[in-house]
Amino acid sequence: MTALFATMAVSIAASDKDEMMTKEKAAWQAFKDKKGDAFKKVVHASMIGVYAEGISDMKKEMDDMQKWDMKSFAISDYNVVAVGADTTISHYKVTIEGTYDGKDASGIYNAGSVWKKQNGEWQAIFHTNVKEAKPAS
């Protein structure tokens, strides 16, 4: 019986992880493709972003979307932790190739998001990412 419950818990956790990674990828893809309407479907209107450059709200995210020329992104090491039935926290690495405001912004970023389920839909309410620093030589 214990093995059955453990198997069920792992199965449920895996499906939650897959669902949240799909949402995370959708947000990144919409941002990369500069599709504001698609981005707003998976990111809450009152989202907050915390970055090395400062704090963002949805308006700043939309403005910054236009400054990015993202060629590609790849998410790895994706993990998600449920915090109750309607909130999750994800953390992962994302490798980006592209420029921001004409300057190379390619590299590996450590990222995290908080997702909240409202009216049956998951939306990001918080996001952060920071570029990994090169080791001192």
C-alpha atoms as a PDB file:
ATOM      1  CA  MET A   1       0.000   0.000   0.000  1.00  0.00           C
ATOM      2  CA  THR A   2       2.842   2.392   0.872  1.00  0.00           C
ATOM      3  CA  ALA A   3       4.486   1.675  -2.470  1.00  0.00           C
ATOM      4  CA  LEU A   4       1.215   2.482  -4.259  1.00  0.00           C
ATOM      5  CA  PHE A   5       0.926   5.863  -2.532  1.00  0.00           C
ATOM      6  CA  ALA A   6       4.589   6.641  -3.198  1.00  0.00           C
ATOM      7  CA  THR A   7       4.144   5.768  -6.871  1.00  0.00           C
ATOM      8  CA  MET A   8       1.012   7.941  -7.073  1.00  0.00           C
ATOM      9  CA  ALA A   9       2.821  10.876  -5.422  1.00  0.00           C
ATOM     10  CA  VAL A  10       5.732  10.624  -7.874  1.00  0.00           C
ATOM     11  CA  SER A  11       3.316  10.362 -10.811  1.00  0.00           C
ATOM     12  CA  ILE A  12       1.334  13.424  -9.689  1.00  0.00           C
ATOM     13  CA  ALA A  13       4.534  15.394  -9.042  1.00  0.00           C
ATOM     14  CA  ALA A  14       5.871  14.502 -12.500  1.00  0.00           C
ATOM     15  CA  SER A  15       2.679  15.662 -14.218  1.00  0.00           C
ATOM     16  CA  ASP A  16       2.742  18.924 -12.227  1.00  0.00           C
ATOM     17  CA  LYS A  17       6.390  19.434 -13.188  1.00  0.00           C
ATOM     18  CA  ASP A  18       5.589  18.782 -16.856  1.00  0.00           C
ATOM     19  CA  GLU A  19       2.595  21.135 -16.774  1.00  0.00           C
ATOM     20  CA  MET A  20       4.574  23.924 -15.128  1.00  0.00           C
ATOM     21  CA  MET A  21       7.534  23.504 -17.480  1.00  0.00           C
ATOM     22  CA  THR A  22       5.116  23.763 -20.416  1.00  0.00           C
ATOM     23  CA  LYS A  23       3.806  27.055 -18.967  1.00  0.00           C
ATOM     24  CA  GLU A  24       7.347  28.308 -18.345  1.00  0.00           C
ATOM     25  CA  LYS A  25       8.372  27.505 -21.922  1.00  0.00           C
ATOM     26  CA  ALA A  26       5.210  29.216 -23.227  1.00  0.00           C
ATOM     27  CA  ALA A  27       6.113  32.415 -21.360  1.00  0.00           C
ATOM     28  CA  TRP A  28       9.679  32.359 -22.699  1.00  0.00           C
ATOM     29  CA  GLN A  29       8.535  31.555 -26.249  1.00  0.00           C
ATOM     30  CA  ALA A  30       5.974  34.380 -26.253  1.00  0.00           C
ATOM     31  CA  PHE A  31       8.628  36.792 -24.941  1.00  0.00           C
ATOM     32  CA  LYS A  32      11.182  35.606 -27.526  1.00  0.00           C
ATOM     33  CA  ASP A  33       8.633  35.940 -30.342  1.00  0.00           C
ATOM     34  CA  LYS A  34       7.491  39.361 -29.022  1.00  0.00           C
ATOM     35  CA  LYS A  35       3.902  38.142 -28.750  1.00  0.00           C
ATOM     36  CA  GLY A  36       2.542  40.302 -25.952  1.00  0.00           C
ATOM     37  CA  ASP A  37      -0.969  38.822 -26.028  1.00  0.00           C
ATOM     38  CA  ALA A  38       0.358  35.260 -25.693  1.00  0.00           C
ATOM     39  CA  PHE A  39       2.708  36.382 -22.907  1.00  0.00           C
ATOM     40  CA  LYS A  40      -0.171  37.986 -21.000  1.00  0.00           C
ATOM     41  CA  LYS A  41      -2.094  34.679 -21.124  1.00  0.00           C
ATOM     42  CA  VAL A  42       0.514  32.964 -18.955  1.00  0.00           C
ATOM     43  CA  VAL A  43       1.827  35.946 -16.968  1.00  0.00           C
ATOM     44  CA  HIS A  44      -0.458  37.793 -14.540  1.00  0.00           C
ATOM     45  CA  ALA A  45      -1.113  41.488 -15.221  1.00  0.00           C
ATOM     46  CA  SER A  46       0.291  42.418 -11.796  1.00  0.00           C
ATOM     47  CA  MET A  47       3.458  40.306 -12.104  1.00  0.00           C
ATOM     48  CA  ILE A  48       6.713  41.479 -10.603  1.00  0.00           C
ATOM     49  CA  GLY A  49      10.130  40.753 -12.068  1.00  0.00           C
ATOM     50  CA  VAL A  50      13.413  41.163 -10.212  1.00  0.00           C
ATOM     51  CA  TYR A  51      16.544  41.418 -12.329  1.00  0.00           C
ATOM     52  CA  ALA A  52      20.086  42.785 -12.040  1.00  0.00           C
ATOM     53  CA  GLU A  53      18.860  45.860 -13.963  1.00  0.00           C
ATOM     54  CA  GLY A  54      15.997  46.533 -11.548  1.00  0.00           C
ATOM     55  CA  ILE A  55      12.371  45.759 -10.742  1.00  0.00           C
ATOM     56  CA  SER A  56       9.811  45.219 -13.515  1.00  0.00           C
ATOM     57  CA  ASP A  57       6.056  45.300 -13.792  1.00  0.00           C
ATOM     58  CA  MET A  58       4.025  44.185 -16.812  1.00  0.00           C
ATOM     59  CA  LYS A  59       4.528  47.499 -18.628  1.00  0.00           C
ATOM     60  CA  LYS A  60       8.305  47.308 -18.259  1.00  0.00           C
ATOM     61  CA  GLU A  61       8.265  43.644 -19.337  1.00  0.00           C
ATOM     62  CA  MET A  62       6.412  44.645 -22.504  1.00  0.00           C
ATOM     63  CA  ASP A  63       8.869  47.502 -23.135  1.00  0.00           C
ATOM     64  CA  ASP A  64      11.862  45.209 -22.529  1.00  0.00           C
ATOM     65  CA  MET A  65      10.368  42.579 -24.846  1.00  0.00           C
ATOM     66  CA  GLN A  66      10.907  45.017 -27.719  1.00  0.00           C
ATOM     67  CA  LYS A  67      14.564  45.573 -26.739  1.00  0.00           C
ATOM     68  CA  TRP A  68      15.401  41.863 -26.876  1.00  0.00           C
ATOM     69  CA  ASP A  69      16.499  40.081 -30.021  1.00  0.00           C
ATOM     70  CA  MET A  70      16.444  36.561 -28.613  1.00  0.00           C
ATOM     71  CA  LYS A  71      17.654  33.988 -31.124  1.00  0.00           C
ATOM     72  CA  SER A  72      17.132  30.984 -28.849  1.00  0.00           C
ATOM     73  CA  PHE A  73      16.578  29.806 -25.300  1.00  0.00           C
ATOM     74  CA  ALA A  74      16.874  26.393 -23.681  1.00  0.00           C
ATOM     75  CA  ILE A  75      15.615  25.488 -20.213  1.00  0.00           C
ATOM     76  CA  SER A  76      17.506  22.876 -18.177  1.00  0.00           C
ATOM     77  CA  ASP A  77      17.680  21.591 -14.599  1.00  0.00           C
ATOM     78  CA  TYR A  78      13.982  22.420 -14.181  1.00  0.00           C
ATOM     79  CA  ASN A  79      12.492  21.856 -10.730  1.00  0.00           C
ATOM     80  CA  VAL A  80       9.169  22.826  -9.221  1.00  0.00           C
ATOM     81  CA  VAL A  81       7.933  22.861  -5.637  1.00  0.00           C
ATOM     82  CA  ALA A  82       4.229  22.993  -4.796  1.00  0.00           C
ATOM     83  CA  VAL A  83       3.277  25.426  -2.045  1.00  0.00           C
ATOM     84  CA  GLY A  84      -0.313  24.414  -1.416  1.00  0.00           C
ATOM     85  CA  ALA A  85      -2.800  23.511  -4.129  1.00  0.00           C
ATOM     86  CA  ASP A  86      -2.646  26.783  -6.042  1.00  0.00           C
ATOM     87  CA  THR A  87       0.961  28.016  -5.874  1.00  0.00           C
ATOM     88  CA  THR A  88       4.237  26.636  -7.198  1.00  0.00           C
ATOM     89  CA  ILE A  89       7.816  27.831  -7.235  1.00  0.00           C
ATOM     90  CA  SER A  90      10.074  26.834 -10.111  1.00  0.00           C
ATOM     91  CA  HIS A  91      13.833  27.186 -10.452  1.00  0.00           C
ATOM     92  CA  TYR A  92      16.016  26.313 -13.395  1.00  0.00           C
ATOM     93  CA  LYS A  93      18.770  27.380 -15.753  1.00  0.00           C
ATOM     94  CA  VAL A  94      18.070  28.990 -19.086  1.00  0.00           C
ATOM     95  CA  THR A  95      20.671  29.339 -21.813  1.00  0.00           C
ATOM     96  CA  ILE A  96      19.967  32.367 -23.982  1.00  0.00           C
ATOM     97  CA  GLU A  97      21.480  33.439 -27.273  1.00  0.00           C
ATOM     98  CA  GLY A  98      20.641  36.998 -28.167  1.00  0.00           C
ATOM     99  CA  THR A  99      21.045  40.702 -27.591  1.00  0.00           C
ATOM    100  CA  TYR A 100      19.366  43.214 -25.307  1.00  0.00           C
ATOM    101  CA  ASP A 101      19.294  46.817 -26.477  1.00  0.00           C
ATOM    102  CA  GLY A 102      21.936  45.966 -29.086  1.00  0.00           C
ATOM    103  CA  LYS A 103      24.393  44.412 -26.610  1.00  0.00           C
ATOM    104  CA  ASP A 104      25.230  40.719 -26.381  1.00  0.00           C
ATOM    105  CA  ALA A 105      23.214  39.136 -23.551  1.00  0.00           C
ATOM    106  CA  SER A 106      23.979  35.512 -24.399  1.00  0.00           C
ATOM    107  CA  GLY A 107      24.787  33.170 -21.556  1.00  0.00           C
ATOM    108  CA  ILE A 108      23.443  30.920 -18.844  1.00  0.00           C
ATOM    109  CA  TYR A 109      20.971  32.466 -16.422  1.00  0.00           C
ATOM    110  CA  ASN A 110      19.726  31.156 -13.080  1.00  0.00           C
ATOM    111  CA  ALA A 111      15.970  31.688 -13.054  1.00  0.00           C
ATOM    112  CA  GLY A 112      12.936  31.262 -10.859  1.00  0.00           C
ATOM    113  CA  SER A 113       9.212  31.897 -11.060  1.00  0.00           C
ATOM    114  CA  VAL A 114       6.231  31.801  -8.752  1.00  0.00           C
ATOM    115  CA  TRP A 115       3.028  30.516 -10.370  1.00  0.00           C
ATOM    116  CA  LYS A 116      -0.488  30.996  -8.991  1.00  0.00           C
ATOM    117  CA  LYS A 117      -3.588  29.130 -10.146  1.00  0.00           C
ATOM    118  CA  GLN A 118      -6.606  31.422 -10.496  1.00  0.00           C
ATOM    119  CA  ASN A 119      -9.903  30.525 -12.135  1.00  0.00           C
ATOM    120  CA  GLY A 120      -8.400  27.187 -13.185  1.00  0.00           C
ATOM    121  CA  GLU A 121      -5.416  28.745 -15.012  1.00  0.00           C
ATOM    122  CA  TRP A 122      -1.771  28.961 -13.979  1.00  0.00           C
ATOM    123  CA  GLN A 123      -0.153  32.384 -14.352  1.00  0.00           C
ATOM    124  CA  ALA A 124       3.308  33.598 -13.360  1.00  0.00           C
ATOM    125  CA  ILE A 125       3.107  36.239 -10.643  1.00  0.00           C
ATOM    126  CA  PHE A 126       6.853  36.605  -9.998  1.00  0.00           C
ATOM    127  CA  HIS A 127       9.969  35.987 -12.071  1.00  0.00           C
ATOM    128  CA  THR A 128      13.678  36.516 -11.666  1.00  0.00           C
ATOM    129  CA  ASN A 129      16.756  35.609 -13.609  1.00  0.00           C
ATOM    130  CA  VAL A 130      20.381  36.595 -13.305  1.00  0.00           C
ATOM    131  CA  LYS A 131      23.256  35.775 -15.603  1.00  0.00           C
ATOM    132  CA  GLU A 132      25.804  33.396 -14.146  1.00  0.00           C
ATOM    133  CA  ALA A 133      29.045  35.200 -13.417  1.00  0.00           C
ATOM    134  CA  LYS A 134      32.209  33.920 -15.043  1.00  0.00           C
ATOM    135  CA  PRO A 135      34.587  32.429 -12.478  1.00  0.00           C
ATOM    136  CA  ALA A 136      37.404  34.758 -11.433  1.00  0.00           C
ATOM    137  CA  SER A 137      40.676  33.778 -13.014  1.00  0.00           C
END
